[in-house]
Structures are given as structure tokens and as C-alpha cells.
């Protein structure tokens, strides 16, 4: 069992900042957390969900999509039960629902959506021009 709960979304003007948080819990995550990829995913209106930032818990390695590199920072607390996404210099195209995801790593990279099979309920981010 893996449970995820996001918080921290909201509405900002372009150039503004937001910080998202995701609480991870559950028996499976507690026992095998070092084998998990955790990450943040963006779903714009009418589009598919896509990865923007991810971490491999065991190694601490991070990955970013080209669209957010240099603007967004993913991090986690020492217990790896809270995942953060610091979003700076937000753009209108960053608007959408942001989901926290988790999955035991089986591929070379943690960023693809298919690498994750546990999801939070999502949090809305709206960036106005």
C-alpha cells in the first residue's frame, strides 16, 4: 500500500513561485521506500500527464524535464516521506494539475509516467499572464 497526498497548489501571476508538498505513506512504501522512484507530474488541460521532476530514493539522483529545468527544484526530507517541488519563474504554460507519483524503479529513468503506479489526488496550479 502506498498513499500520496499533495498540497500547496494555487493561483499566481507569471514570474511567481509556488511550493508543492506530497506526503507519502503506507506499508509498502515504509518497507521498500529505497527502491522507489518518486516524482511530480503535470497534466495540462486536454493533455496527457507528463513527468516534470523525479527522484530515485536509493541514490538520490534527480531528473527534470527540459521545460522546467532551471526553474523547478525537487527535494525530499530525510525520511523520504515528504516530497517537495519548488516552482519559480512560473509561466502560463505551467498551468494544470500537478500529481505526486511513486513506483518501484524498474527502468533506467524515474521520469516517465509509466514508471509510477501510485498517485495522489492532484493539486491545481494556475498561472496567469
N, C-alpha and C. Protein backbone atom coordinates (compact mmCIF):
# COMPACT_ATOMS: atom_id res chain seq x y z
N UNK A 1 0.84 -1.20 0.00
CA UNK A 1 0.00 0.00 0.00
C UNK A 1 0.87 1.24 0.00
N UNK A 2 0.57 2.15 -0.89
CA UNK A 2 1.27 3.43 -0.96
C UNK A 2 0.21 4.52 -1.08
N UNK A 3 0.25 5.46 -0.19
CA UNK A 3 -0.68 6.59 -0.21
C UNK A 3 0.08 7.88 -0.42
N UNK A 4 -0.48 8.75 -1.24
CA UNK A 4 0.16 10.03 -1.53
C UNK A 4 -0.88 11.14 -1.40
N UNK A 5 -0.48 12.26 -0.86
CA UNK A 5 -1.39 13.39 -0.69
C UNK A 5 -0.64 14.68 -0.96
N UNK A 6 -1.07 15.40 -2.02
CA UNK A 6 -0.42 16.66 -2.39
C UNK A 6 -1.08 17.84 -1.70
N UNK A 7 -0.32 18.91 -1.58
CA UNK A 7 -0.83 20.17 -1.09
C UNK A 7 0.04 21.29 -1.64
N UNK A 8 -0.48 22.51 -1.59
CA UNK A 8 0.34 23.66 -1.93
C UNK A 8 0.03 24.33 -3.25
N UNK A 9 -0.94 23.84 -4.00
CA UNK A 9 -1.27 24.49 -5.26
C UNK A 9 -1.93 25.83 -5.03
N UNK A 10 -2.18 26.55 -6.12
CA UNK A 10 -2.83 27.84 -6.01
C UNK A 10 -2.74 28.61 -7.30
N UNK A 11 -3.05 29.90 -7.22
CA UNK A 11 -3.02 30.79 -8.39
C UNK A 11 -1.97 31.86 -8.19
N UNK A 12 -1.15 32.06 -9.21
CA UNK A 12 -0.11 33.09 -9.16
C UNK A 12 -0.02 33.76 -10.52
N UNK A 13 0.63 34.90 -10.54
CA UNK A 13 0.91 35.57 -11.82
C UNK A 13 2.22 35.03 -12.39
N UNK A 14 2.36 35.18 -13.67
CA UNK A 14 3.59 34.74 -14.33
C UNK A 14 4.80 35.38 -13.65
N UNK A 15 5.84 34.56 -13.46
CA UNK A 15 7.03 35.02 -12.76
C UNK A 15 7.00 34.71 -11.28
N UNK A 16 5.85 34.29 -10.77
CA UNK A 16 5.72 33.98 -9.36
C UNK A 16 6.23 32.60 -9.00
N UNK A 17 6.06 32.25 -7.73
CA UNK A 17 6.58 30.99 -7.21
C UNK A 17 5.51 30.27 -6.39
N UNK A 18 5.62 28.95 -6.38
CA UNK A 18 4.79 28.11 -5.53
C UNK A 18 5.63 26.95 -5.05
N UNK A 19 5.24 26.39 -3.91
CA UNK A 19 5.89 25.19 -3.40
C UNK A 19 4.83 24.13 -3.15
N UNK A 20 5.00 22.99 -3.79
CA UNK A 20 4.10 21.87 -3.60
C UNK A 20 4.72 20.87 -2.64
N UNK A 21 3.86 20.20 -1.88
CA UNK A 21 4.32 19.15 -0.97
C UNK A 21 3.52 17.89 -1.22
N UNK A 22 4.14 16.75 -0.97
CA UNK A 22 3.46 15.46 -1.12
C UNK A 22 3.86 14.59 0.06
N UNK A 23 2.88 14.12 0.80
CA UNK A 23 3.13 13.21 1.91
C UNK A 23 2.96 11.78 1.42
N UNK A 24 4.00 10.97 1.61
CA UNK A 24 3.97 9.56 1.19
C UNK A 24 3.88 8.66 2.42
N UNK A 25 3.02 7.66 2.36
CA UNK A 25 2.85 6.75 3.49
C UNK A 25 2.36 5.40 2.98
N UNK A 26 2.16 4.46 3.92
CA UNK A 26 1.67 3.14 3.55
C UNK A 26 2.70 2.08 3.86
N UNK A 27 2.20 0.87 4.06
CA UNK A 27 3.07 -0.22 4.50
C UNK A 27 4.12 -0.58 3.44
N UNK A 28 3.72 -0.61 2.19
CA UNK A 28 4.67 -0.98 1.15
C UNK A 28 5.76 0.07 1.00
N UNK A 29 5.37 1.32 1.05
CA UNK A 29 6.37 2.38 0.92
C UNK A 29 7.31 2.39 2.12
N UNK A 30 6.77 2.19 3.31
CA UNK A 30 7.60 2.20 4.51
C UNK A 30 8.64 1.09 4.46
N UNK A 31 8.26 -0.04 3.90
CA UNK A 31 9.17 -1.19 3.89
C UNK A 31 10.18 -1.13 2.76
N UNK A 32 9.78 -0.65 1.61
CA UNK A 32 10.63 -0.70 0.41
C UNK A 32 10.96 0.67 -0.16
N UNK A 33 10.90 1.71 0.64
CA UNK A 33 10.98 3.08 0.12
C UNK A 33 12.26 3.32 -0.68
N UNK A 34 13.35 2.65 -0.35
CA UNK A 34 14.60 2.93 -1.07
C UNK A 34 14.58 2.39 -2.49
N UNK A 35 13.61 1.57 -2.83
CA UNK A 35 13.51 1.03 -4.19
C UNK A 35 12.60 1.89 -5.07
N UNK A 36 12.02 2.91 -4.48
CA UNK A 36 11.02 3.68 -5.19
C UNK A 36 11.59 4.87 -5.94
N UNK A 37 10.96 5.15 -7.09
CA UNK A 37 11.04 6.45 -7.72
C UNK A 37 9.86 7.26 -7.19
N UNK A 38 10.09 8.54 -6.91
CA UNK A 38 9.00 9.45 -6.57
C UNK A 38 9.16 10.69 -7.45
N UNK A 39 8.03 11.30 -7.76
CA UNK A 39 8.15 12.43 -8.68
C UNK A 39 6.90 13.27 -8.79
N UNK A 40 7.03 14.33 -9.57
CA UNK A 40 5.95 15.26 -9.84
C UNK A 40 5.59 15.24 -11.32
N UNK A 41 4.28 15.29 -11.57
CA UNK A 41 3.78 15.17 -12.92
C UNK A 41 2.77 16.26 -13.19
N UNK A 42 2.78 16.76 -14.38
CA UNK A 42 1.93 17.88 -14.78
C UNK A 42 0.95 17.42 -15.84
N UNK A 43 -0.32 17.75 -15.62
CA UNK A 43 -1.33 17.46 -16.64
C UNK A 43 -2.02 18.76 -16.98
N UNK A 44 -1.70 19.28 -18.15
CA UNK A 44 -2.35 20.50 -18.64
C UNK A 44 -3.74 20.14 -19.17
N UNK A 45 -4.63 21.12 -19.21
CA UNK A 45 -5.99 20.86 -19.71
C UNK A 45 -5.98 20.23 -21.10
N UNK A 46 -6.65 19.10 -21.23
CA UNK A 46 -6.76 18.43 -22.52
C UNK A 46 -5.53 17.67 -22.97
N UNK A 47 -4.53 17.55 -22.10
CA UNK A 47 -3.29 16.88 -22.47
C UNK A 47 -3.00 15.72 -21.53
N UNK A 48 -2.04 14.88 -21.93
CA UNK A 48 -1.65 13.76 -21.11
C UNK A 48 -0.75 14.20 -19.96
N UNK A 49 -0.76 13.39 -18.94
CA UNK A 49 0.11 13.63 -17.80
C UNK A 49 1.56 13.37 -18.20
N UNK A 50 2.47 14.25 -17.78
CA UNK A 50 3.88 14.05 -18.11
C UNK A 50 4.76 14.41 -16.93
N UNK A 51 5.89 13.74 -16.85
CA UNK A 51 6.79 13.96 -15.74
C UNK A 51 7.54 15.26 -15.87
N UNK A 52 7.68 15.99 -14.76
CA UNK A 52 8.48 17.21 -14.75
C UNK A 52 9.71 17.08 -13.86
N UNK A 53 9.63 16.28 -12.80
CA UNK A 53 10.78 16.10 -11.92
C UNK A 53 10.63 14.79 -11.14
N UNK A 54 11.74 14.09 -10.94
CA UNK A 54 11.67 12.80 -10.25
C UNK A 54 12.96 12.53 -9.49
N UNK A 55 12.84 11.71 -8.48
CA UNK A 55 13.98 11.29 -7.65
C UNK A 55 13.98 9.77 -7.53
N UNK A 56 15.16 9.16 -7.60
CA UNK A 56 15.32 7.75 -7.25
C UNK A 56 15.77 7.72 -5.80
N UNK A 57 14.95 7.19 -4.91
CA UNK A 57 15.21 7.30 -3.48
C UNK A 57 16.55 6.72 -3.06
N UNK A 58 16.92 5.56 -3.60
CA UNK A 58 18.14 4.89 -3.15
C UNK A 58 19.37 5.73 -3.43
N UNK A 59 19.45 6.31 -4.60
CA UNK A 59 20.65 7.05 -4.99
C UNK A 59 20.53 8.55 -4.78
N UNK A 60 19.29 9.03 -4.65
CA UNK A 60 19.09 10.47 -4.53
C UNK A 60 19.25 11.23 -5.84
N UNK A 61 19.34 10.51 -6.93
CA UNK A 61 19.51 11.15 -8.23
C UNK A 61 18.20 11.82 -8.66
N UNK A 62 18.34 12.98 -9.27
CA UNK A 62 17.16 13.73 -9.69
C UNK A 62 17.16 13.91 -11.20
N UNK A 63 15.96 14.05 -11.74
CA UNK A 63 15.77 14.27 -13.18
C UNK A 63 14.73 15.36 -13.36
N UNK A 64 14.89 16.13 -14.42
CA UNK A 64 13.95 17.18 -14.76
C UNK A 64 13.61 17.13 -16.25
N UNK A 65 12.40 17.51 -16.57
CA UNK A 65 12.06 17.68 -17.97
C UNK A 65 12.70 18.98 -18.46
N UNK A 66 12.92 19.07 -19.75
CA UNK A 66 13.55 20.27 -20.31
C UNK A 66 12.71 21.52 -20.05
N UNK A 67 11.41 21.35 -19.97
CA UNK A 67 10.52 22.51 -19.83
C UNK A 67 10.64 23.19 -18.46
N UNK A 68 11.14 22.47 -17.46
CA UNK A 68 11.20 23.07 -16.11
C UNK A 68 12.63 23.20 -15.59
N UNK A 69 13.59 22.66 -16.32
CA UNK A 69 14.98 22.67 -15.86
C UNK A 69 15.44 24.12 -15.61
N UNK A 70 16.01 24.34 -14.43
CA UNK A 70 16.47 25.68 -14.08
C UNK A 70 15.41 26.52 -13.38
N UNK A 71 14.16 26.07 -13.39
CA UNK A 71 13.07 26.82 -12.74
C UNK A 71 12.48 26.05 -11.57
N UNK A 72 12.39 24.74 -11.69
CA UNK A 72 11.79 23.89 -10.66
C UNK A 72 12.89 23.11 -9.95
N UNK A 73 12.66 22.85 -8.65
CA UNK A 73 13.59 22.04 -7.87
C UNK A 73 12.80 21.01 -7.07
N UNK A 74 13.17 19.75 -7.23
CA UNK A 74 12.54 18.67 -6.47
C UNK A 74 13.45 18.33 -5.30
N UNK A 75 12.84 18.04 -4.16
CA UNK A 75 13.61 17.65 -2.99
C UNK A 75 12.73 16.78 -2.10
N UNK A 76 13.35 16.19 -1.08
CA UNK A 76 12.61 15.37 -0.13
C UNK A 76 13.23 15.51 1.25
N UNK A 77 12.45 15.19 2.27
CA UNK A 77 13.01 15.28 3.61
C UNK A 77 13.87 14.05 3.89
N UNK A 78 14.55 14.06 5.03
CA UNK A 78 15.49 12.98 5.33
C UNK A 78 14.82 11.62 5.45
N UNK A 79 13.55 11.60 5.82
CA UNK A 79 12.84 10.32 5.97
C UNK A 79 12.27 9.83 4.65
N UNK A 80 12.34 10.67 3.61
CA UNK A 80 11.81 10.36 2.27
C UNK A 80 10.31 10.13 2.30
N UNK A 81 9.63 10.74 3.26
CA UNK A 81 8.18 10.62 3.33
C UNK A 81 7.48 11.91 2.92
N UNK A 82 8.24 12.95 2.66
CA UNK A 82 7.66 14.18 2.14
C UNK A 82 8.47 14.62 0.92
N UNK A 83 7.79 14.82 -0.16
CA UNK A 83 8.40 15.24 -1.42
C UNK A 83 7.97 16.67 -1.71
N UNK A 84 8.91 17.48 -2.17
CA UNK A 84 8.62 18.89 -2.44
C UNK A 84 8.90 19.22 -3.92
N UNK A 85 8.21 20.24 -4.39
CA UNK A 85 8.53 20.80 -5.70
C UNK A 85 8.49 22.32 -5.55
N UNK A 86 9.66 22.93 -5.62
CA UNK A 86 9.78 24.38 -5.59
C UNK A 86 9.69 24.86 -7.02
N UNK A 87 8.69 25.69 -7.31
CA UNK A 87 8.45 26.16 -8.67
C UNK A 87 8.68 27.67 -8.72
N UNK A 88 9.67 28.10 -9.48
CA UNK A 88 10.00 29.50 -9.62
C UNK A 88 9.81 29.95 -11.06
N UNK A 89 9.70 31.26 -11.24
CA UNK A 89 9.54 31.84 -12.58
C UNK A 89 8.44 31.10 -13.35
N UNK A 90 7.29 30.97 -12.73
CA UNK A 90 6.20 30.23 -13.34
C UNK A 90 5.69 30.90 -14.59
N UNK A 91 5.27 30.08 -15.54
CA UNK A 91 4.77 30.55 -16.83
C UNK A 91 3.32 30.08 -17.00
N UNK A 92 2.55 30.76 -17.83
CA UNK A 92 1.15 30.32 -18.05
C UNK A 92 1.06 28.87 -18.51
N UNK A 93 2.05 28.39 -19.26
CA UNK A 93 2.02 27.00 -19.73
C UNK A 93 2.27 25.99 -18.61
N UNK A 94 2.63 26.46 -17.44
CA UNK A 94 2.77 25.56 -16.28
C UNK A 94 1.41 25.28 -15.63
N UNK A 95 0.38 25.95 -16.09
CA UNK A 95 -0.96 25.74 -15.55
C UNK A 95 -1.42 24.30 -15.73
N UNK A 96 -2.10 23.76 -14.72
CA UNK A 96 -2.62 22.42 -14.80
C UNK A 96 -2.69 21.78 -13.44
N UNK A 97 -2.98 20.50 -13.44
CA UNK A 97 -3.00 19.73 -12.20
C UNK A 97 -1.64 19.04 -12.04
N UNK A 98 -1.10 19.17 -10.85
CA UNK A 98 0.17 18.52 -10.52
C UNK A 98 -0.08 17.34 -9.61
N UNK A 99 0.45 16.19 -10.03
CA UNK A 99 0.29 14.95 -9.29
C UNK A 99 1.63 14.50 -8.74
N UNK A 100 1.57 13.94 -7.56
CA UNK A 100 2.71 13.26 -6.98
C UNK A 100 2.57 11.77 -7.33
N UNK A 101 3.68 11.15 -7.76
CA UNK A 101 3.64 9.75 -8.14
C UNK A 101 4.75 8.96 -7.47
N UNK A 102 4.54 7.65 -7.36
CA UNK A 102 5.54 6.76 -6.78
C UNK A 102 5.44 5.39 -7.44
N UNK A 103 6.59 4.72 -7.57
CA UNK A 103 6.61 3.38 -8.12
C UNK A 103 7.97 2.77 -7.91
N UNK A 104 8.01 1.45 -7.71
CA UNK A 104 9.30 0.78 -7.58
C UNK A 104 10.01 0.87 -8.92
N UNK A 105 11.27 1.27 -8.86
CA UNK A 105 12.02 1.50 -10.09
C UNK A 105 12.28 0.19 -10.84
N UNK A 106 11.95 0.21 -12.13
CA UNK A 106 12.26 -0.94 -12.99
C UNK A 106 12.88 -0.52 -14.31
N UNK A 107 12.93 0.79 -14.55
CA UNK A 107 13.51 1.27 -15.80
C UNK A 107 14.72 2.13 -15.48
N UNK A 108 15.39 2.59 -16.53
CA UNK A 108 16.64 3.34 -16.35
C UNK A 108 16.41 4.73 -15.79
N UNK A 109 15.21 5.24 -15.98
CA UNK A 109 14.92 6.60 -15.55
C UNK A 109 13.62 6.64 -14.77
N UNK A 110 13.53 7.57 -13.85
CA UNK A 110 12.33 7.70 -13.00
C UNK A 110 11.30 8.67 -13.56
N UNK A 111 11.63 9.41 -14.61
CA UNK A 111 10.75 10.48 -15.06
C UNK A 111 9.51 10.03 -15.83
N UNK A 112 9.56 8.92 -16.59
CA UNK A 112 8.37 8.54 -17.35
C UNK A 112 7.17 8.22 -16.48
N UNK A 113 6.00 8.57 -16.97
CA UNK A 113 4.77 8.32 -16.23
C UNK A 113 4.58 6.84 -15.94
N UNK A 114 4.95 5.97 -16.89
CA UNK A 114 4.71 4.53 -16.72
C UNK A 114 5.54 3.92 -15.61
N UNK A 115 6.55 4.64 -15.13
CA UNK A 115 7.38 4.17 -14.03
C UNK A 115 6.63 4.26 -12.69
N UNK A 116 5.51 4.99 -12.66
CA UNK A 116 4.80 5.24 -11.43
C UNK A 116 3.41 4.61 -11.48
N UNK A 117 3.03 3.88 -10.44
CA UNK A 117 1.70 3.27 -10.42
C UNK A 117 0.89 3.65 -9.18
N UNK A 118 1.41 4.60 -8.41
CA UNK A 118 0.66 5.14 -7.27
C UNK A 118 0.60 6.65 -7.43
N UNK A 119 -0.59 7.20 -7.20
CA UNK A 119 -0.81 8.62 -7.48
C UNK A 119 -1.57 9.30 -6.35
N UNK A 120 -1.29 10.58 -6.16
CA UNK A 120 -2.10 11.39 -5.29
C UNK A 120 -3.32 11.90 -6.04
N UNK A 121 -4.10 12.71 -5.36
CA UNK A 121 -5.34 13.21 -5.96
C UNK A 121 -5.10 14.42 -6.85
N UNK A 122 -3.92 15.01 -6.76
CA UNK A 122 -3.59 16.16 -7.60
C UNK A 122 -3.89 17.49 -6.92
N UNK A 123 -3.14 18.50 -7.32
CA UNK A 123 -3.37 19.85 -6.83
C UNK A 123 -3.28 20.82 -8.00
N UNK A 124 -4.20 21.77 -8.05
CA UNK A 124 -4.30 22.68 -9.19
C UNK A 124 -3.32 23.84 -9.05
N UNK A 125 -2.63 24.12 -10.15
CA UNK A 125 -1.76 25.29 -10.25
C UNK A 125 -2.24 26.12 -11.44
N UNK A 126 -2.51 27.39 -11.20
CA UNK A 126 -2.97 28.28 -12.25
C UNK A 126 -2.04 29.48 -12.31
N UNK A 127 -1.45 29.71 -13.49
CA UNK A 127 -0.53 30.82 -13.69
C UNK A 127 -1.14 31.76 -14.72
N UNK A 128 -1.38 32.97 -14.32
CA UNK A 128 -1.99 33.95 -15.22
C UNK A 128 -0.91 34.84 -15.82
N UNK A 129 -1.17 35.28 -17.03
CA UNK A 129 -0.20 36.11 -17.75
C UNK A 129 -0.13 37.52 -17.18
